[in-house]
N, C-alpha and C. Protein backbone atom coordinates (compact mmCIF):
# COMPACT_ATOMS: atom_id res chain seq x y z
N MET A 1 -44.48 20.23 -3.04
CA MET A 1 -43.07 20.28 -3.03
C MET A 1 -42.50 18.89 -2.51
N LYS A 2 -43.11 18.43 -1.46
CA LYS A 2 -42.67 17.14 -0.89
C LYS A 2 -42.83 16.02 -1.93
N THR A 3 -43.92 16.05 -2.70
CA THR A 3 -44.18 15.07 -3.76
C THR A 3 -43.11 15.14 -4.83
N LEU A 4 -42.74 16.39 -5.23
CA LEU A 4 -41.74 16.58 -6.24
C LEU A 4 -40.41 16.05 -5.78
N LEU A 5 -40.02 16.30 -4.51
CA LEU A 5 -38.77 15.80 -3.99
C LEU A 5 -38.73 14.25 -3.92
N ILE A 6 -39.86 13.68 -3.56
CA ILE A 6 -39.92 12.17 -3.52
C ILE A 6 -39.83 11.65 -4.94
N GLY A 7 -40.52 12.28 -5.90
CA GLY A 7 -40.43 11.87 -7.29
C GLY A 7 -39.03 11.99 -7.81
N LEU A 8 -38.39 13.08 -7.51
CA LEU A 8 -37.02 13.28 -7.96
C LEU A 8 -36.08 12.24 -7.33
N ALA A 9 -36.25 11.89 -6.07
CA ALA A 9 -35.46 10.91 -5.41
C ALA A 9 -35.70 9.54 -6.05
N ILE A 10 -36.87 9.25 -6.43
CA ILE A 10 -37.19 7.93 -7.10
C ILE A 10 -36.47 7.85 -8.49
N VAL A 11 -36.56 8.97 -9.21
CA VAL A 11 -35.92 9.02 -10.54
C VAL A 11 -34.41 8.83 -10.44
N VAL A 12 -33.78 9.62 -9.48
CA VAL A 12 -32.38 9.50 -9.26
C VAL A 12 -31.99 8.16 -8.81
N GLY A 13 -32.73 7.57 -7.87
CA GLY A 13 -32.45 6.24 -7.37
C GLY A 13 -32.56 5.18 -8.46
N THR A 14 -33.59 5.26 -9.26
CA THR A 14 -33.80 4.33 -10.37
C THR A 14 -32.60 4.46 -11.36
N PHE A 15 -32.21 5.66 -11.69
CA PHE A 15 -31.08 5.89 -12.60
C PHE A 15 -29.81 5.29 -12.05
N ALA A 16 -29.57 5.49 -10.72
CA ALA A 16 -28.35 5.01 -10.13
C ALA A 16 -28.34 3.47 -10.13
N MET A 17 -29.49 2.87 -9.88
CA MET A 17 -29.56 1.40 -9.89
C MET A 17 -29.40 0.87 -11.28
N ALA A 18 -29.94 1.57 -12.26
CA ALA A 18 -29.83 1.12 -13.65
C ALA A 18 -28.35 1.19 -14.07
N MET A 19 -27.66 2.25 -13.73
CA MET A 19 -26.21 2.42 -14.04
C MET A 19 -25.40 1.33 -13.37
N ALA A 20 -25.76 1.00 -12.14
CA ALA A 20 -24.99 0.01 -11.40
C ALA A 20 -25.19 -1.40 -12.06
N GLU A 21 -26.36 -1.68 -12.58
CA GLU A 21 -26.68 -2.95 -13.17
C GLU A 21 -26.19 -3.13 -14.56
N THR A 22 -25.97 -2.02 -15.26
CA THR A 22 -25.59 -2.06 -16.70
C THR A 22 -24.11 -2.41 -16.81
N PRO A 23 -23.83 -3.57 -17.43
CA PRO A 23 -22.43 -4.02 -17.50
C PRO A 23 -21.72 -3.38 -18.71
N ARG A 24 -22.31 -2.47 -19.43
CA ARG A 24 -21.69 -1.86 -20.64
C ARG A 24 -20.76 -0.76 -20.11
N VAL A 25 -19.49 -0.83 -20.57
CA VAL A 25 -18.52 0.20 -20.24
C VAL A 25 -18.43 1.19 -21.37
N VAL A 26 -18.81 2.44 -21.05
CA VAL A 26 -18.85 3.47 -22.07
C VAL A 26 -18.05 4.67 -21.60
N GLY A 27 -17.53 5.39 -22.53
CA GLY A 27 -16.80 6.66 -22.21
C GLY A 27 -15.40 6.36 -21.81
N ARG A 28 -14.82 7.25 -21.02
CA ARG A 28 -13.47 7.08 -20.61
C ARG A 28 -13.23 5.94 -19.67
N MET A 29 -12.16 5.24 -19.82
CA MET A 29 -11.85 4.14 -19.03
C MET A 29 -10.37 3.94 -18.99
N GLY A 30 -9.89 3.19 -18.01
CA GLY A 30 -8.50 2.80 -17.97
C GLY A 30 -8.37 1.46 -18.65
N ALA A 31 -7.26 0.80 -18.48
CA ALA A 31 -7.09 -0.50 -19.07
C ALA A 31 -8.01 -1.51 -18.40
N VAL A 32 -8.51 -2.44 -19.18
CA VAL A 32 -9.38 -3.54 -18.69
C VAL A 32 -8.62 -4.81 -18.99
N ASN A 33 -8.40 -5.64 -17.93
CA ASN A 33 -7.76 -6.94 -18.12
C ASN A 33 -8.75 -8.00 -17.62
N GLY A 34 -8.89 -9.05 -18.43
CA GLY A 34 -9.81 -10.12 -18.12
C GLY A 34 -9.70 -11.30 -19.05
N ILE A 35 -10.75 -12.07 -19.05
CA ILE A 35 -10.87 -13.26 -19.99
C ILE A 35 -12.03 -12.99 -20.87
N LEU A 36 -11.81 -13.20 -22.20
CA LEU A 36 -12.84 -12.98 -23.18
C LEU A 36 -13.90 -14.07 -23.04
N VAL A 37 -15.16 -13.67 -22.89
CA VAL A 37 -16.28 -14.61 -22.83
C VAL A 37 -16.74 -14.89 -24.27
N LYS A 38 -16.98 -13.77 -25.01
CA LYS A 38 -17.35 -13.96 -26.43
C LYS A 38 -17.27 -12.59 -27.14
N VAL A 39 -17.38 -12.65 -28.45
CA VAL A 39 -17.48 -11.47 -29.29
C VAL A 39 -18.93 -11.46 -29.72
N ASP A 40 -19.67 -10.40 -29.39
CA ASP A 40 -21.08 -10.25 -29.70
C ASP A 40 -21.25 -9.11 -30.74
N GLY A 41 -21.20 -9.50 -32.04
CA GLY A 41 -21.20 -8.43 -33.01
C GLY A 41 -19.92 -7.71 -33.01
N ARG A 42 -19.95 -6.43 -32.62
CA ARG A 42 -18.75 -5.64 -32.46
C ARG A 42 -18.43 -5.43 -31.02
N ASP A 43 -19.14 -5.98 -30.09
CA ASP A 43 -18.91 -5.86 -28.68
C ASP A 43 -18.11 -6.99 -28.12
N LEU A 44 -17.18 -6.67 -27.18
CA LEU A 44 -16.43 -7.72 -26.54
C LEU A 44 -17.08 -7.95 -25.15
N ILE A 45 -17.39 -9.15 -24.79
CA ILE A 45 -17.92 -9.53 -23.50
C ILE A 45 -16.73 -10.09 -22.71
N VAL A 46 -16.34 -9.41 -21.70
CA VAL A 46 -15.16 -9.76 -20.92
C VAL A 46 -15.48 -10.00 -19.43
N ARG A 47 -14.90 -11.08 -18.91
CA ARG A 47 -15.04 -11.41 -17.52
C ARG A 47 -13.87 -10.80 -16.74
N VAL A 48 -14.22 -9.89 -15.84
CA VAL A 48 -13.21 -9.24 -15.01
C VAL A 48 -13.41 -9.53 -13.55
N LYS A 49 -12.39 -9.36 -12.75
CA LYS A 49 -12.51 -9.56 -11.30
C LYS A 49 -12.86 -8.23 -10.72
N GLN A 50 -13.84 -8.14 -9.83
CA GLN A 50 -14.19 -6.96 -9.12
C GLN A 50 -13.22 -6.81 -7.97
N ARG A 51 -13.30 -5.73 -7.27
CA ARG A 51 -12.43 -5.50 -6.08
C ARG A 51 -12.68 -6.54 -5.00
N THR A 52 -13.89 -7.07 -4.97
CA THR A 52 -14.26 -8.10 -3.98
C THR A 52 -13.69 -9.50 -4.36
N GLY A 53 -13.18 -9.60 -5.60
CA GLY A 53 -12.66 -10.86 -6.10
C GLY A 53 -13.73 -11.60 -6.91
N GLU A 54 -14.93 -11.15 -6.88
CA GLU A 54 -16.02 -11.82 -7.58
C GLU A 54 -15.93 -11.47 -9.13
N PRO A 55 -16.17 -12.45 -9.99
CA PRO A 55 -16.16 -12.17 -11.40
C PRO A 55 -17.43 -11.39 -11.91
N LYS A 56 -17.26 -10.57 -12.88
CA LYS A 56 -18.37 -9.85 -13.46
C LYS A 56 -18.14 -9.70 -14.97
N GLU A 57 -19.17 -9.85 -15.73
CA GLU A 57 -19.05 -9.73 -17.17
C GLU A 57 -19.39 -8.22 -17.52
N ILE A 58 -18.51 -7.68 -18.39
CA ILE A 58 -18.75 -6.32 -18.88
C ILE A 58 -18.70 -6.30 -20.38
N THR A 59 -19.37 -5.36 -20.99
CA THR A 59 -19.40 -5.24 -22.41
C THR A 59 -18.57 -4.03 -22.87
N LEU A 60 -17.69 -4.25 -23.79
CA LEU A 60 -16.80 -3.17 -24.34
C LEU A 60 -17.10 -2.98 -25.79
N PRO A 61 -17.60 -1.86 -26.19
CA PRO A 61 -17.90 -1.67 -27.63
C PRO A 61 -16.61 -1.40 -28.41
N THR A 62 -16.51 -1.87 -29.59
CA THR A 62 -15.39 -1.61 -30.48
C THR A 62 -15.95 -0.87 -31.72
N ASP A 63 -14.99 -0.34 -32.51
CA ASP A 63 -15.40 0.37 -33.76
C ASP A 63 -14.31 0.10 -34.84
N ASP A 64 -14.43 0.84 -35.96
CA ASP A 64 -13.56 0.68 -37.08
C ASP A 64 -12.07 1.03 -36.67
N TYR A 65 -11.86 1.79 -35.62
CA TYR A 65 -10.52 2.28 -35.21
C TYR A 65 -9.88 1.37 -34.20
N THR A 66 -10.56 0.31 -33.75
CA THR A 66 -10.04 -0.60 -32.75
C THR A 66 -8.90 -1.39 -33.35
N GLU A 67 -7.80 -1.49 -32.66
CA GLU A 67 -6.65 -2.27 -33.17
C GLU A 67 -6.61 -3.56 -32.32
N VAL A 68 -6.48 -4.68 -33.02
CA VAL A 68 -6.45 -5.97 -32.40
C VAL A 68 -5.13 -6.69 -32.61
N ARG A 69 -4.49 -7.22 -31.56
CA ARG A 69 -3.28 -8.01 -31.66
C ARG A 69 -3.51 -9.32 -30.94
N VAL A 70 -3.23 -10.39 -31.70
CA VAL A 70 -3.44 -11.77 -31.18
C VAL A 70 -2.11 -12.43 -31.06
N ASP A 71 -1.72 -12.81 -29.84
CA ASP A 71 -0.44 -13.47 -29.64
C ASP A 71 0.72 -12.62 -30.24
N GLY A 72 0.59 -11.31 -30.16
CA GLY A 72 1.61 -10.43 -30.61
C GLY A 72 1.54 -10.01 -32.05
N ASP A 73 0.67 -10.62 -32.80
CA ASP A 73 0.57 -10.31 -34.28
C ASP A 73 -0.73 -9.53 -34.51
N ALA A 74 -0.76 -8.76 -35.62
CA ALA A 74 -1.94 -8.00 -35.99
C ALA A 74 -3.08 -8.96 -36.25
N GLY A 75 -4.27 -8.64 -35.86
CA GLY A 75 -5.45 -9.54 -36.02
C GLY A 75 -6.67 -8.70 -36.18
N THR A 76 -7.80 -9.41 -36.13
CA THR A 76 -9.13 -8.80 -36.26
C THR A 76 -10.00 -9.36 -35.15
N LEU A 77 -11.21 -8.79 -35.03
CA LEU A 77 -12.17 -9.34 -34.04
C LEU A 77 -12.47 -10.77 -34.32
N ASP A 78 -12.48 -11.20 -35.62
CA ASP A 78 -12.79 -12.59 -35.96
C ASP A 78 -11.70 -13.54 -35.41
N ASP A 79 -10.48 -13.11 -35.09
CA ASP A 79 -9.43 -13.96 -34.60
C ASP A 79 -9.57 -14.19 -33.08
N LEU A 80 -10.41 -13.46 -32.46
CA LEU A 80 -10.57 -13.62 -30.98
C LEU A 80 -11.44 -14.79 -30.66
N ARG A 81 -11.04 -15.59 -29.61
CA ARG A 81 -11.70 -16.78 -29.18
C ARG A 81 -12.05 -16.74 -27.73
N PRO A 82 -13.18 -17.38 -27.29
CA PRO A 82 -13.46 -17.42 -25.86
C PRO A 82 -12.31 -18.02 -25.04
N GLU A 83 -12.17 -17.53 -23.84
CA GLU A 83 -11.17 -17.95 -22.89
C GLU A 83 -9.72 -17.36 -23.16
N MET A 84 -9.60 -16.47 -24.19
CA MET A 84 -8.34 -15.75 -24.31
C MET A 84 -8.19 -14.77 -23.26
N ALA A 85 -6.99 -14.59 -22.75
CA ALA A 85 -6.70 -13.48 -21.83
C ALA A 85 -6.63 -12.20 -22.70
N VAL A 86 -7.32 -11.12 -22.23
CA VAL A 86 -7.31 -9.89 -23.02
C VAL A 86 -6.94 -8.71 -22.15
N SER A 87 -6.30 -7.74 -22.76
CA SER A 87 -5.96 -6.43 -22.21
C SER A 87 -6.46 -5.40 -23.19
N ILE A 88 -7.40 -4.54 -22.72
CA ILE A 88 -7.99 -3.54 -23.60
C ILE A 88 -7.62 -2.21 -23.04
N THR A 89 -6.94 -1.43 -23.91
CA THR A 89 -6.41 -0.10 -23.44
C THR A 89 -6.80 1.00 -24.39
N PRO A 90 -7.29 2.12 -23.86
CA PRO A 90 -7.54 3.27 -24.76
C PRO A 90 -6.20 3.84 -25.26
N MET A 91 -6.21 4.28 -26.52
CA MET A 91 -4.94 4.73 -27.12
C MET A 91 -5.13 6.13 -27.75
N GLY A 92 -5.69 7.06 -27.04
CA GLY A 92 -5.85 8.38 -27.62
C GLY A 92 -7.01 8.42 -28.57
N ARG A 93 -7.04 9.37 -29.48
CA ARG A 93 -8.15 9.54 -30.39
C ARG A 93 -7.78 9.23 -31.79
N GLY A 94 -8.56 8.34 -32.45
CA GLY A 94 -8.42 8.09 -33.88
C GLY A 94 -9.14 9.05 -34.71
N VAL A 95 -10.27 9.51 -34.20
CA VAL A 95 -11.08 10.53 -34.93
C VAL A 95 -11.67 11.43 -33.83
N PRO A 96 -12.11 12.61 -34.16
CA PRO A 96 -12.69 13.48 -33.17
C PRO A 96 -13.81 12.81 -32.39
N GLY A 97 -13.67 12.82 -31.06
CA GLY A 97 -14.73 12.32 -30.22
C GLY A 97 -14.67 10.84 -29.92
N ALA A 98 -13.79 10.08 -30.56
CA ALA A 98 -13.67 8.64 -30.32
C ALA A 98 -12.30 8.25 -29.90
N ALA A 99 -12.23 7.54 -28.79
CA ALA A 99 -10.99 6.96 -28.29
C ALA A 99 -10.69 5.65 -29.03
N LYS A 100 -9.51 5.49 -29.53
CA LYS A 100 -9.12 4.26 -30.23
C LYS A 100 -8.73 3.25 -29.17
N LEU A 101 -9.18 1.99 -29.33
CA LEU A 101 -8.83 0.94 -28.36
C LEU A 101 -7.82 0.00 -28.97
N LEU A 102 -6.93 -0.47 -28.11
CA LEU A 102 -6.01 -1.52 -28.45
C LEU A 102 -6.39 -2.77 -27.65
N VAL A 103 -6.72 -3.85 -28.37
CA VAL A 103 -7.10 -5.12 -27.74
C VAL A 103 -5.89 -6.06 -27.95
N ARG A 104 -5.27 -6.51 -26.81
CA ARG A 104 -4.17 -7.46 -26.87
C ARG A 104 -4.79 -8.76 -26.36
N ALA A 105 -4.79 -9.84 -27.15
CA ALA A 105 -5.37 -11.12 -26.77
C ALA A 105 -4.23 -12.21 -26.81
N THR A 106 -4.25 -13.02 -25.84
CA THR A 106 -3.27 -14.10 -25.72
C THR A 106 -3.98 -15.40 -25.66
N SER A 107 -3.70 -16.34 -26.58
CA SER A 107 -4.29 -17.65 -26.58
C SER A 107 -3.77 -18.47 -25.39
N LYS A 108 -4.53 -19.47 -25.02
CA LYS A 108 -3.94 -20.46 -24.12
C LYS A 108 -2.89 -21.18 -24.90
N SER A 109 -1.80 -21.53 -24.23
CA SER A 109 -0.69 -22.15 -24.93
C SER A 109 -0.38 -23.50 -24.40
N LEU A 110 0.38 -24.24 -25.15
CA LEU A 110 0.88 -25.54 -24.80
C LEU A 110 2.37 -25.61 -24.88
N SER A 111 3.08 -25.90 -23.82
CA SER A 111 4.53 -25.91 -23.82
C SER A 111 5.02 -27.35 -23.68
N GLY A 112 6.11 -27.61 -24.38
CA GLY A 112 6.70 -28.97 -24.27
C GLY A 112 8.02 -29.05 -25.00
N VAL A 113 8.41 -30.34 -25.17
CA VAL A 113 9.68 -30.68 -25.87
C VAL A 113 9.30 -31.50 -27.08
N VAL A 114 9.91 -31.17 -28.21
CA VAL A 114 9.70 -31.92 -29.46
C VAL A 114 10.30 -33.32 -29.32
N LEU A 115 9.47 -34.29 -29.57
CA LEU A 115 9.95 -35.71 -29.57
C LEU A 115 10.21 -36.15 -31.00
N LYS A 116 9.38 -35.70 -31.95
CA LYS A 116 9.49 -36.19 -33.29
C LYS A 116 8.80 -35.18 -34.26
N VAL A 117 9.39 -35.02 -35.43
CA VAL A 117 8.79 -34.22 -36.48
C VAL A 117 8.23 -35.17 -37.48
N ASP A 118 6.95 -35.12 -37.76
CA ASP A 118 6.29 -36.08 -38.64
C ASP A 118 5.55 -35.29 -39.75
N GLY A 119 6.21 -35.17 -40.88
CA GLY A 119 5.60 -34.31 -41.94
C GLY A 119 5.42 -32.93 -41.47
N ARG A 120 4.18 -32.39 -41.45
CA ARG A 120 3.86 -31.08 -41.00
C ARG A 120 3.32 -31.05 -39.52
N ASN A 121 3.49 -32.20 -38.85
CA ASN A 121 3.03 -32.29 -37.47
C ASN A 121 4.25 -32.53 -36.55
N LEU A 122 4.01 -32.07 -35.31
CA LEU A 122 5.09 -32.33 -34.22
C LEU A 122 4.45 -33.25 -33.17
N LEU A 123 5.27 -34.13 -32.68
CA LEU A 123 4.89 -34.88 -31.50
C LEU A 123 5.70 -34.29 -30.38
N ILE A 124 4.98 -33.74 -29.34
CA ILE A 124 5.69 -33.09 -28.24
C ILE A 124 5.31 -33.77 -26.96
N ARG A 125 6.19 -33.70 -25.96
CA ARG A 125 5.90 -34.13 -24.58
C ARG A 125 5.56 -32.82 -23.84
N ALA A 126 4.29 -32.77 -23.42
CA ALA A 126 3.77 -31.57 -22.77
C ALA A 126 3.13 -31.89 -21.42
N GLN A 127 3.11 -30.87 -20.58
CA GLN A 127 2.46 -30.97 -19.24
C GLN A 127 0.98 -30.60 -19.50
N GLN A 128 0.05 -31.47 -19.38
CA GLN A 128 -1.36 -31.24 -19.53
C GLN A 128 -2.12 -31.91 -18.40
N GLU A 129 -3.02 -31.10 -17.80
CA GLU A 129 -3.89 -31.58 -16.76
C GLU A 129 -3.04 -32.28 -15.66
N GLY A 130 -1.89 -31.71 -15.30
CA GLY A 130 -1.09 -32.22 -14.23
C GLY A 130 -0.28 -33.42 -14.55
N ALA A 131 -0.32 -33.88 -15.81
CA ALA A 131 0.50 -35.12 -16.16
C ALA A 131 1.24 -34.80 -17.45
N LYS A 132 2.37 -35.48 -17.60
CA LYS A 132 3.11 -35.34 -18.93
C LYS A 132 2.46 -36.30 -19.94
N LYS A 133 2.16 -35.70 -21.08
CA LYS A 133 1.51 -36.45 -22.10
C LYS A 133 2.15 -36.17 -23.49
N GLU A 134 2.02 -37.18 -24.36
CA GLU A 134 2.49 -36.93 -25.71
C GLU A 134 1.31 -36.34 -26.53
N VAL A 135 1.60 -35.23 -27.16
CA VAL A 135 0.56 -34.51 -27.89
C VAL A 135 1.03 -34.26 -29.30
N THR A 136 0.10 -34.54 -30.30
CA THR A 136 0.43 -34.20 -31.67
C THR A 136 -0.03 -32.80 -31.97
N VAL A 137 0.83 -31.98 -32.46
CA VAL A 137 0.51 -30.58 -32.82
C VAL A 137 0.44 -30.51 -34.29
N GLU A 138 -0.74 -30.08 -34.84
CA GLU A 138 -0.93 -29.88 -36.27
C GLU A 138 -0.51 -28.50 -36.69
N THR A 139 0.13 -28.42 -37.83
CA THR A 139 0.52 -27.16 -38.43
C THR A 139 0.01 -27.08 -39.87
N ASN A 140 0.06 -25.87 -40.43
CA ASN A 140 -0.21 -25.73 -41.88
C ASN A 140 0.72 -24.63 -42.38
N ALA A 141 0.54 -24.27 -43.67
CA ALA A 141 1.39 -23.27 -44.29
C ALA A 141 1.31 -21.94 -43.57
N SER A 142 0.20 -21.67 -42.86
CA SER A 142 0.03 -20.38 -42.23
C SER A 142 0.70 -20.31 -40.79
N THR A 143 1.09 -21.45 -40.31
CA THR A 143 1.69 -21.50 -38.96
C THR A 143 2.96 -20.70 -38.93
N LYS A 144 3.10 -19.76 -38.07
CA LYS A 144 4.27 -18.91 -37.93
C LYS A 144 5.26 -19.57 -36.97
N ILE A 145 6.46 -19.70 -37.40
CA ILE A 145 7.52 -20.29 -36.55
C ILE A 145 8.51 -19.15 -36.13
N MET A 146 8.71 -19.02 -34.83
CA MET A 146 9.59 -18.00 -34.27
C MET A 146 10.66 -18.72 -33.44
N PHE A 147 11.89 -18.24 -33.56
CA PHE A 147 13.04 -18.73 -32.76
C PHE A 147 13.43 -17.64 -31.81
N ALA A 148 13.32 -17.88 -30.45
CA ALA A 148 13.70 -16.90 -29.50
C ALA A 148 15.24 -16.93 -29.35
N ASN A 149 15.85 -15.78 -29.52
CA ASN A 149 17.32 -15.69 -29.40
C ASN A 149 17.66 -15.73 -27.91
N GLY A 150 18.43 -16.76 -27.51
CA GLY A 150 18.85 -16.85 -26.09
C GLY A 150 17.69 -17.00 -25.16
N GLY A 151 16.56 -17.49 -25.65
CA GLY A 151 15.37 -17.67 -24.77
C GLY A 151 14.58 -16.44 -24.59
N GLU A 152 14.97 -15.29 -25.14
CA GLU A 152 14.24 -14.03 -25.01
C GLU A 152 13.18 -13.91 -26.14
N LEU A 153 11.91 -13.93 -25.75
CA LEU A 153 10.87 -13.78 -26.78
C LEU A 153 10.85 -12.49 -27.51
N GLY A 154 11.21 -11.42 -26.84
CA GLY A 154 11.25 -10.08 -27.51
C GLY A 154 12.22 -10.02 -28.59
N SER A 155 13.28 -10.87 -28.60
CA SER A 155 14.23 -10.82 -29.64
C SER A 155 14.11 -11.99 -30.60
N ALA A 156 12.90 -12.50 -30.83
CA ALA A 156 12.70 -13.67 -31.64
C ALA A 156 12.85 -13.35 -33.12
N ARG A 157 13.32 -14.31 -33.86
CA ARG A 157 13.45 -14.17 -35.34
C ARG A 157 12.56 -15.22 -35.95
N GLU A 158 12.03 -14.89 -37.14
CA GLU A 158 11.13 -15.87 -37.84
C GLU A 158 12.02 -16.99 -38.46
N GLY A 159 11.49 -18.16 -38.45
CA GLY A 159 12.14 -19.32 -38.99
C GLY A 159 11.23 -20.14 -39.82
N ASN A 160 11.70 -21.32 -40.16
CA ASN A 160 10.89 -22.30 -40.95
C ASN A 160 10.55 -23.52 -40.18
N PHE A 161 9.52 -24.14 -40.59
CA PHE A 161 9.09 -25.41 -39.88
C PHE A 161 10.17 -26.46 -39.90
N GLU A 162 10.89 -26.49 -41.06
CA GLU A 162 11.96 -27.48 -41.24
C GLU A 162 13.12 -27.30 -40.22
N ASP A 163 13.20 -26.10 -39.66
CA ASP A 163 14.28 -25.78 -38.64
C ASP A 163 14.00 -26.42 -37.29
N ILE A 164 12.78 -26.92 -37.06
CA ILE A 164 12.41 -27.53 -35.76
C ILE A 164 12.97 -28.98 -35.75
N LYS A 165 13.66 -29.26 -34.66
CA LYS A 165 14.27 -30.61 -34.46
C LYS A 165 13.89 -31.19 -33.11
N PRO A 166 14.01 -32.49 -32.95
CA PRO A 166 13.73 -33.12 -31.68
C PRO A 166 14.60 -32.51 -30.59
N GLU A 167 14.12 -32.56 -29.34
CA GLU A 167 14.75 -32.02 -28.14
C GLU A 167 14.61 -30.48 -28.01
N MET A 168 13.98 -29.81 -29.00
CA MET A 168 13.77 -28.37 -28.88
C MET A 168 12.62 -28.08 -28.05
N LYS A 169 12.68 -27.04 -27.18
CA LYS A 169 11.52 -26.59 -26.39
C LYS A 169 10.66 -25.69 -27.19
N VAL A 170 9.32 -25.94 -27.12
CA VAL A 170 8.41 -25.16 -27.90
C VAL A 170 7.20 -24.69 -27.08
N LYS A 171 6.64 -23.58 -27.48
CA LYS A 171 5.41 -23.05 -27.00
C LYS A 171 4.44 -22.94 -28.19
N VAL A 172 3.30 -23.60 -28.12
CA VAL A 172 2.40 -23.67 -29.21
C VAL A 172 1.19 -22.85 -28.84
N LEU A 173 0.76 -21.97 -29.81
CA LEU A 173 -0.40 -21.13 -29.68
C LEU A 173 -1.33 -21.34 -30.86
N PRO A 174 -2.62 -21.59 -30.61
CA PRO A 174 -3.29 -21.90 -29.33
C PRO A 174 -2.97 -23.33 -28.94
N ASP A 175 -3.53 -23.71 -27.74
CA ASP A 175 -3.24 -25.02 -27.19
C ASP A 175 -3.98 -26.15 -27.88
N THR A 176 -4.99 -25.84 -28.71
CA THR A 176 -5.81 -26.83 -29.44
C THR A 176 -5.98 -26.44 -30.88
N GLY A 177 -6.30 -27.38 -31.72
CA GLY A 177 -6.51 -27.08 -33.15
C GLY A 177 -5.19 -26.92 -33.86
N VAL A 178 -5.26 -26.35 -35.07
CA VAL A 178 -4.05 -26.12 -35.89
C VAL A 178 -3.25 -24.95 -35.21
N ALA A 179 -1.97 -25.16 -35.09
CA ALA A 179 -1.11 -24.16 -34.42
C ALA A 179 -1.05 -22.92 -35.32
N ARG A 180 -1.27 -21.70 -34.67
CA ARG A 180 -1.15 -20.45 -35.35
C ARG A 180 0.36 -19.93 -35.27
N LYS A 181 0.92 -20.28 -34.08
CA LYS A 181 2.34 -19.83 -33.90
C LYS A 181 3.02 -20.85 -33.02
N ILE A 182 4.32 -21.15 -33.33
CA ILE A 182 5.15 -22.00 -32.51
C ILE A 182 6.40 -21.17 -32.24
N VAL A 183 6.70 -20.98 -30.90
CA VAL A 183 7.87 -20.32 -30.47
C VAL A 183 8.85 -21.33 -29.92
N VAL A 184 10.06 -21.35 -30.56
CA VAL A 184 11.12 -22.32 -30.17
C VAL A 184 12.03 -21.49 -29.26
N SER A 185 12.20 -21.99 -28.01
CA SER A 185 12.98 -21.22 -27.03
C SER A 185 14.34 -21.87 -26.67
N GLY A 186 14.73 -22.92 -27.31
CA GLY A 186 16.01 -23.54 -27.00
C GLY A 186 15.95 -25.05 -27.09
N VAL A 187 17.03 -25.67 -26.68
CA VAL A 187 17.12 -27.15 -26.74
C VAL A 187 17.26 -27.66 -25.30
N VAL A 188 16.62 -28.76 -25.03
CA VAL A 188 16.74 -29.43 -23.75
C VAL A 188 18.14 -29.90 -23.59
N LYS A 189 18.75 -29.62 -22.47
CA LYS A 189 20.09 -30.09 -22.17
C LYS A 189 19.99 -31.50 -21.69
N THR A 190 20.74 -32.39 -22.29
CA THR A 190 20.73 -33.76 -21.87
C THR A 190 22.00 -34.01 -21.06
N LYS A 191 21.88 -34.98 -20.10
CA LYS A 191 23.02 -35.37 -19.32
C LYS A 191 23.94 -36.22 -20.07
N ASN A 192 25.25 -36.01 -19.97
CA ASN A 192 26.23 -36.92 -20.64
C ASN A 192 26.18 -38.26 -19.92
N LYS A 193 26.29 -39.37 -20.74
CA LYS A 193 26.18 -40.71 -20.09
C LYS A 193 27.54 -41.24 -19.96
């Protein structure tokens, strides 16, 4: 009997250690907020902060019912990039036995003031690495242009690239490469001379 109890304690202890070491999140969960490390097949590898403040990577499986939104727009797992801020929330059941996940991802952005419109590119003055720099922002026909009404992003209306003028404040998503979205939030107020 003593040997059986010792054996059972070893099995339970081994199982508990294995569960503690396994970074895969399965079953019911609350919202997960973190930074995307990578997409591994259909799994999301996300860096989250533990209660101690230490970072830990966890794996979140996705399926055909997972909904992805990138910078507020419908997207796919292929649109996700490392270092995006992500919020992953269960949304009830899409099919019997499976919880549908909503993945909201936000690209790193670049904010600044338009200095010049040059063809399909913008030259903006932006705060980068602690200093103001002039940055060329590339766009293409797929770049979405949004104009925030009164500075409110929730009430933004879609616009055209040709509507962007010097002295307008812009937020460019993502911060590198070809812009996927440019949000115009107003015009810089200049002092009367």
